[in-house]
Protein backbone atom coordinates (compact mmCIF):
# COMPACT_ATOMS: atom_id res chain seq x y z
CA VAL A 1 72.24 -59.12 -12.48
CA ARG A 2 72.11 -55.54 -13.47
CA LYS A 3 72.65 -53.17 -10.53
CA THR A 4 70.36 -50.21 -10.25
CA ARG A 5 71.76 -46.95 -9.23
CA GLN A 6 70.34 -45.53 -6.04
CA ARG A 7 68.47 -42.31 -6.70
CA GLN A 8 69.64 -39.37 -4.62
CA PRO A 9 66.85 -37.68 -2.68
CA ALA A 10 65.73 -34.34 -3.88
CA THR A 11 66.33 -31.45 -1.47
CA PRO A 12 64.15 -28.43 -1.21
CA PRO A 13 65.27 -25.42 -3.36
CA VAL A 14 67.20 -22.72 -1.66
CA PRO A 15 66.13 -19.19 -2.55
CA ALA A 16 68.48 -16.87 -4.36
CA ALA A 17 70.79 -14.93 -2.03
CA GLU A 18 69.74 -11.47 -1.00
CA PRO A 19 71.01 -9.18 1.71
CA PHE A 20 69.98 -10.69 5.08
CA ALA A 21 67.75 -13.30 3.42
CA ILE A 22 65.94 -15.53 5.83
CA ILE A 23 65.20 -19.02 4.61
CA GLY A 24 61.80 -20.36 5.61
CA GLU A 25 58.70 -21.72 3.88
CA SER A 26 57.01 -23.11 7.02
CA PRO A 27 53.69 -21.51 8.07
CA ALA A 28 55.37 -20.28 11.27
CA MET A 29 58.01 -18.37 9.28
CA GLN A 30 55.46 -17.10 6.71
CA ALA A 31 53.59 -15.49 9.59
CA VAL A 32 56.83 -13.79 10.74
CA PHE A 33 57.54 -12.53 7.13
CA GLY A 34 54.06 -11.10 6.94
CA THR A 35 54.61 -9.05 10.07
CA LEU A 36 58.10 -7.85 8.97
CA ASP A 37 56.73 -6.73 5.59
CA LYS A 38 54.10 -4.65 7.32
CA VAL A 39 56.44 -3.05 9.85
CA ALA A 40 59.69 -2.60 7.91
CA ALA A 41 58.72 0.69 6.24
CA THR A 42 57.66 2.29 9.47
CA ASP A 43 59.63 3.80 12.36
CA ALA A 44 57.75 1.66 14.93
CA ASN A 45 59.83 0.21 17.72
CA VAL A 46 60.03 -3.59 17.38
CA LEU A 47 60.64 -6.22 20.04
CA ILE A 48 61.88 -9.58 18.75
CA LEU A 49 61.27 -12.63 21.01
CA GLY A 50 62.82 -16.05 20.49
CA GLU A 51 65.15 -18.64 21.88
CA HIS A 52 68.93 -18.56 21.51
CA GLY A 53 70.04 -19.12 17.91
CA THR A 54 66.66 -18.36 16.21
CA GLY A 55 68.12 -15.47 14.18
CA LYS A 56 66.97 -12.37 16.05
CA GLU A 57 69.78 -10.09 14.76
CA LEU A 58 69.21 -11.33 11.23
CA VAL A 59 65.56 -10.24 11.53
CA ALA A 60 66.69 -6.84 12.83
CA ARG A 61 69.02 -6.37 9.93
CA ARG A 62 66.27 -7.35 7.49
CA LEU A 63 64.01 -4.80 8.98
CA HIS A 64 66.75 -2.13 8.60
CA ALA A 65 67.59 -3.12 5.05
CA ARG A 66 63.91 -2.79 3.98
CA SER A 67 63.32 0.50 5.73
CA HIS A 68 63.75 4.10 4.61
CA ARG A 69 66.75 4.16 6.94
CA ALA A 70 68.56 1.52 4.88
CA ASP A 71 71.28 4.02 3.88
CA GLY A 72 71.84 5.00 7.49
CA PRO A 73 73.86 3.05 10.08
CA PHE A 74 72.84 -0.26 11.70
CA VAL A 75 74.36 -0.41 15.20
CA SER A 76 74.14 -3.60 17.19
CA VAL A 77 74.71 -3.75 20.98
CA ASP A 78 74.81 -6.89 23.03
CA LEU A 79 73.51 -5.66 26.37
CA GLY A 80 74.34 -8.98 27.98
CA ALA A 81 78.08 -8.12 27.44
CA VAL A 82 77.85 -4.49 28.73
CA THR A 83 78.71 -4.11 32.43
CA ALA A 84 76.57 -1.90 34.61
CA SER A 85 79.47 0.50 35.23
CA LEU A 86 79.86 1.08 31.49
CA PHE A 87 76.28 1.08 30.45
CA GLU A 88 75.76 4.80 30.25
CA SER A 89 79.10 5.46 28.59
CA GLU A 90 78.54 2.71 26.02
CA LEU A 91 75.00 3.77 25.08
CA PHE A 92 75.09 7.53 25.68
CA GLY A 93 78.79 8.41 25.42
CA HIS A 94 81.06 10.40 27.68
CA THR A 95 83.15 13.62 27.74
CA LYS A 96 86.86 13.88 28.29
CA GLY A 97 87.73 13.55 31.98
CA ALA A 98 84.32 12.23 32.94
CA PHE A 99 85.98 9.26 34.70
CA THR A 100 89.36 7.60 34.98
CA GLY A 101 90.48 6.54 31.51
CA ALA A 102 88.13 8.95 29.63
CA ASP A 103 90.98 10.74 27.81
CA HIS A 104 88.74 11.97 24.95
CA ASP A 105 85.13 12.66 24.07
CA ARG A 106 83.32 9.61 22.83
CA GLN A 107 79.89 9.33 21.28
CA GLY A 108 77.65 6.52 22.51
CA GLN A 109 75.81 3.93 20.42
CA PHE A 110 72.65 6.01 20.34
CA GLU A 111 74.49 8.86 18.61
CA ALA A 112 76.37 6.38 16.35
CA ALA A 113 73.02 4.97 15.15
CA SER A 114 71.32 8.33 14.64
CA GLY A 115 69.65 8.35 11.18
CA GLY A 116 69.58 4.56 11.19
CA THR A 117 68.66 1.57 13.38
CA LEU A 118 69.83 0.72 16.87
CA PHE A 119 69.55 -2.99 17.75
CA LEU A 120 69.64 -3.70 21.49
CA ASP A 121 70.07 -7.42 21.91
CA GLU A 122 69.40 -9.25 25.20
CA ILE A 123 67.45 -6.20 26.55
CA GLY A 124 65.94 -8.44 29.25
CA ASN A 125 69.38 -8.48 30.93
CA ILE A 126 69.43 -4.69 31.75
CA PRO A 127 69.63 -4.20 35.57
CA LEU A 128 66.51 -2.58 36.93
CA GLU A 129 68.33 0.55 38.12
CA LEU A 130 69.51 1.23 34.57
CA GLN A 131 66.14 0.75 32.84
CA ASN A 132 64.89 4.17 33.98
CA LYS A 133 67.85 5.86 32.25
CA LEU A 134 67.11 4.05 29.03
CA LEU A 135 63.37 4.94 29.29
CA THR A 136 64.27 8.61 29.76
CA VAL A 137 66.36 8.61 26.58
CA LEU A 138 63.56 6.96 24.60
CA GLU A 139 60.99 9.44 25.83
CA ARG A 140 63.08 12.52 25.29
CA ARG A 141 64.82 11.25 22.10
CA ALA A 142 68.03 12.80 23.35
CA VAL A 143 71.12 11.56 25.18
CA THR A 144 73.34 13.27 27.70
CA ARG A 145 76.87 12.11 27.67
CA VAL A 146 78.45 11.05 30.95
CA GLY A 147 80.20 14.19 32.33
CA SER A 148 77.98 16.60 30.35
CA LEU A 149 74.81 18.57 31.08
CA ASP A 150 73.93 19.19 27.37
CA PRO A 151 71.34 16.83 25.84
CA ARG A 152 72.02 15.72 22.27
CA PRO A 153 69.09 14.91 20.00
CA VAL A 154 69.16 11.39 18.40
CA ASP A 155 67.02 9.93 15.63
CA VAL A 156 67.01 6.16 15.81
CA ARG A 157 64.65 3.33 14.95
CA LEU A 158 64.80 1.03 17.94
CA VAL A 159 64.74 -2.80 17.57
CA CYS A 160 65.13 -4.85 20.73
CA ALA A 161 65.46 -8.63 21.25
CA THR A 162 65.52 -11.05 24.11
CA ASN A 163 65.32 -14.77 24.73
CA ARG A 164 63.98 -14.23 28.23
CA PRO A 165 60.24 -14.36 29.22
CA ILE A 166 60.10 -10.54 29.43
CA TYR A 167 56.35 -10.34 30.02
CA ASP A 168 56.79 -12.51 33.16
CA LEU A 169 59.67 -10.28 34.24
CA ALA A 170 57.38 -7.24 33.93
CA GLU A 171 54.56 -8.82 35.99
CA GLY A 172 53.84 -7.82 39.60
CA ASP A 173 53.98 -4.54 41.44
CA PRO A 174 56.03 -1.76 39.87
CA GLY A 175 58.43 -1.98 42.73
CA SER A 176 58.96 -5.70 42.54
CA ALA A 177 58.94 -6.39 38.75
CA ALA A 178 62.33 -7.34 37.27
CA PHE A 179 61.56 -5.34 34.15
CA ARG A 180 59.75 -2.02 34.05
CA PRO A 181 56.33 -2.38 32.39
CA ASP A 182 56.50 1.21 31.07
CA LEU A 183 59.79 0.41 29.31
CA LEU A 184 58.35 -2.82 27.91
CA PHE A 185 55.44 -0.77 26.43
CA ARG A 186 57.90 1.71 24.94
CA ILE A 187 60.01 -0.81 23.13
CA ASN A 188 57.11 -3.01 22.04
CA THR A 189 55.08 -1.16 19.49
CA VAL A 190 55.21 -4.30 17.36
CA GLU A 191 56.23 -7.75 18.59
CA VAL A 192 57.80 -10.43 16.44
CA GLU A 193 58.03 -13.90 17.96
CA LEU A 194 60.47 -16.20 16.15
CA PRO A 195 59.55 -19.90 16.31
CA PRO A 196 62.14 -22.45 17.43
CA LEU A 197 63.65 -24.54 14.66
CA ARG A 198 61.89 -27.64 15.92
CA ALA A 199 58.52 -26.04 15.07
CA ARG A 200 59.56 -25.17 11.52
CA GLY A 201 59.05 -28.56 9.77
CA GLU A 202 60.70 -28.84 6.35
CA ASP A 203 62.71 -25.60 6.93
CA ILE A 204 65.17 -27.77 8.79
CA ILE A 205 66.13 -29.57 5.55
CA ARG A 206 66.14 -26.34 3.55
CA LEU A 207 68.42 -24.67 6.01
CA ALA A 208 70.65 -27.78 6.21
CA GLN A 209 71.06 -27.88 2.38
CA HIS A 210 71.76 -24.12 2.42
CA PHE A 211 74.56 -24.49 4.93
CA LEU A 212 75.81 -27.62 3.15
CA THR A 213 76.21 -25.79 -0.15
CA GLN A 214 77.69 -22.72 1.62
CA PHE A 215 80.37 -24.65 3.52
CA ALA A 216 81.15 -27.07 0.67
CA GLY A 217 82.04 -24.07 -1.47
CA GLN A 218 84.01 -22.45 1.39
CA TYR A 219 86.10 -25.53 2.15
CA GLY A 220 86.23 -27.11 -1.30
CA SER A 221 84.34 -30.20 -0.06
CA LEU A 222 82.84 -32.87 -2.29
CA ALA A 223 79.77 -33.07 -0.11
CA ARG A 224 76.70 -31.74 -1.97
CA THR A 225 73.61 -33.63 -0.80
CA LEU A 226 71.93 -35.21 2.23
CA SER A 227 70.86 -38.87 2.21
CA LEU A 228 67.28 -39.74 3.15
CA ASP A 229 68.48 -41.21 6.46
CA ALA A 230 70.50 -38.05 7.20
CA GLN A 231 67.37 -35.95 6.50
CA GLN A 232 65.35 -38.17 8.84
CA LYS A 233 68.01 -37.76 11.59
CA LEU A 234 67.93 -33.92 11.24
CA ARG A 235 64.10 -33.86 11.45
CA GLY A 236 64.01 -36.05 14.50
CA TYR A 237 66.39 -33.88 16.52
CA GLY A 238 65.12 -31.21 18.91
CA TRP A 239 67.64 -28.45 18.03
CA PRO A 240 67.97 -26.79 21.43
CA GLY A 241 70.48 -24.44 19.83
CA ASN A 242 68.17 -23.75 16.87
CA VAL A 243 69.49 -22.42 13.53
CA ARG A 244 72.87 -21.58 15.04
CA GLU A 245 73.30 -25.16 16.13
CA LEU A 246 72.21 -26.49 12.72
CA ARG A 247 74.76 -24.23 11.05
CA ASN A 248 77.59 -25.47 13.25
CA THR A 249 76.51 -29.04 12.69
CA MET A 250 76.58 -28.69 8.95
CA GLU A 251 79.93 -26.92 8.97
CA ARG A 252 81.45 -29.70 11.08
CA ALA A 253 79.91 -32.42 8.85
CA VAL A 254 81.29 -30.78 5.69
CA ILE A 255 84.74 -30.48 7.13
CA LEU A 256 84.97 -34.11 8.34
CA SER A 257 83.07 -35.90 5.51
CA ASP A 258 84.88 -37.58 2.66
CA GLY A 259 81.87 -38.45 0.45
CA THR A 260 79.59 -36.55 -1.84
CA THR A 261 76.44 -37.35 0.18
CA LEU A 262 76.21 -36.79 3.94
CA GLN A 263 75.11 -39.84 5.95
CA PRO A 264 73.67 -39.98 9.48
CA ALA A 265 77.10 -40.82 10.87
CA ASP A 266 78.39 -37.51 9.54
CA LEU A 267 75.92 -35.54 11.69
CA ARG A 268 77.17 -35.37 15.25
CA LEU A 269 74.31 -34.24 17.45
CA SER A 270 74.24 -33.69 21.17
CA MET A 271 72.17 -35.90 23.50
CA GLN A 272 70.40 -32.75 24.80
CA GLY A 273 68.37 -32.39 21.65
CA SER A 274 67.67 -36.09 21.08
CA ALA A 275 64.00 -36.70 20.46
CA SER A 276 62.38 -38.43 23.39
CA PRO A 277 59.88 -41.21 22.65
CA VAL A 278 56.31 -40.04 22.25
CA HIS A 279 54.41 -40.65 25.41
CA GLU A 280 51.02 -42.16 24.82
CA PRO A 281 48.78 -40.95 27.64
CA THR A 282 45.99 -42.92 29.19
CA ASP A 283 42.76 -41.47 30.47
CA LEU A 284 44.21 -41.45 33.96
CA ASP A 285 47.61 -39.99 32.95
CA LEU A 286 46.90 -36.27 33.51
CA GLU A 287 50.48 -35.18 33.06
CA GLY A 288 50.68 -37.09 29.76
CA LEU A 289 47.54 -35.45 28.58
CA GLU A 290 48.81 -32.01 29.52
CA ARG A 291 52.12 -32.62 27.86
CA THR A 292 50.45 -33.75 24.66
CA ALA A 293 48.05 -30.74 24.63
CA ILE A 294 50.92 -28.30 25.05
CA ARG A 295 52.95 -30.00 22.37
CA GLN A 296 50.01 -29.88 19.93
CA ALA A 297 49.29 -26.21 20.76
CA LEU A 298 52.92 -25.17 20.15
CA SER A 299 52.95 -27.07 16.87
CA THR A 300 49.59 -25.62 15.77
CA TYR A 301 50.74 -22.01 16.42
CA GLY A 302 54.31 -22.45 15.16
CA GLY A 303 55.95 -22.04 18.56
CA ASN A 304 54.07 -18.78 19.28
CA ILE A 305 53.90 -18.75 23.07
CA SER A 306 51.23 -16.10 23.32
CA LYS A 307 48.80 -17.85 20.96
CA ALA A 308 49.48 -21.29 22.40
CA ALA A 309 48.90 -20.01 25.94
CA ALA A 310 45.65 -18.36 24.92
CA ALA A 311 44.45 -21.53 23.19
CA LEU A 312 45.24 -23.60 26.33
CA GLY A 313 43.69 -21.06 28.68
CA LEU A 314 47.03 -20.42 30.44
CA THR A 315 49.13 -17.30 31.11
CA ARG A 316 52.43 -17.01 29.32
CA ARG A 317 54.21 -17.54 32.65
CA SER A 318 52.18 -20.74 33.35
CA LEU A 319 52.93 -22.08 29.86
CA TYR A 320 56.68 -21.32 30.21
CA ARG A 321 56.69 -23.24 33.54
CA ARG A 322 55.04 -26.30 31.95
CA ILE A 323 57.38 -26.18 28.93
CA GLU A 324 60.30 -26.25 31.30
CA LYS A 325 58.71 -28.99 33.41
CA TYR A 326 58.10 -31.33 30.49
CA GLY A 327 61.28 -30.44 28.61
CA LEU A 328 59.40 -29.29 25.47
């Protein structure tokens, strides 16, 4: 009996490398690219929304690389890692002797980014009492170092990002909102909402193959392709950590695999993202109907919360509550 050789599944092509290339052919990502292409050449402030691991800094770097500021600096600040006591010094700088330990003049990140792009990640984490100071700098386009009275002009293109429901934080009376609405308006000339990986369809396999090729070359691994069963496993997973989690998964698989084709057993996925069985609602199952409607709206609009909420007749806050309730 002549044995037939199993044909290896074809994997989607990976585009040629370019600085800060973002892989994505899904409708959701094509919509993002369309917005980026329109805004990149401007100086408009951009707010990037998206879950952890969706690539917010990569988008910010792509905006910078395609702008007229590309030859200037790109400065990234993780506001979630900046303590309240060092906030002004980190962003605006300080003079010698301004506080204990300030043994020399130091420029802040606004001055460091002048002529280029300043990326403020996790802006939703800024304490309310510090938001006014940031707003003042954005309005005056000048910073005053801690310990000084002299304002210094700065010329930056501001890109901010957060994974928090920032519109919900800005709701309510000005005195009770967790995020100042006037600051939100200032940083949000253009909004870019990144879809979660689970809403990006075949991009999951494209990205997996990209990381597989990257890490196989880096570690000298024989692994080069994904079996059909491995691809099915990747598609069926929820990816709570998004692209960052997929990257880590593929790196681990490449390191531990001995074969040329990755199999399902090579892909170690957490239980948190395991796909739950589809719940078939009955006419009397109102929660099931609501869950299905929300899932369909998120899929239709590529994970765009604003559009899905509008289609469902809900506020963003209400939709976020239901997403959390149903674990979507």
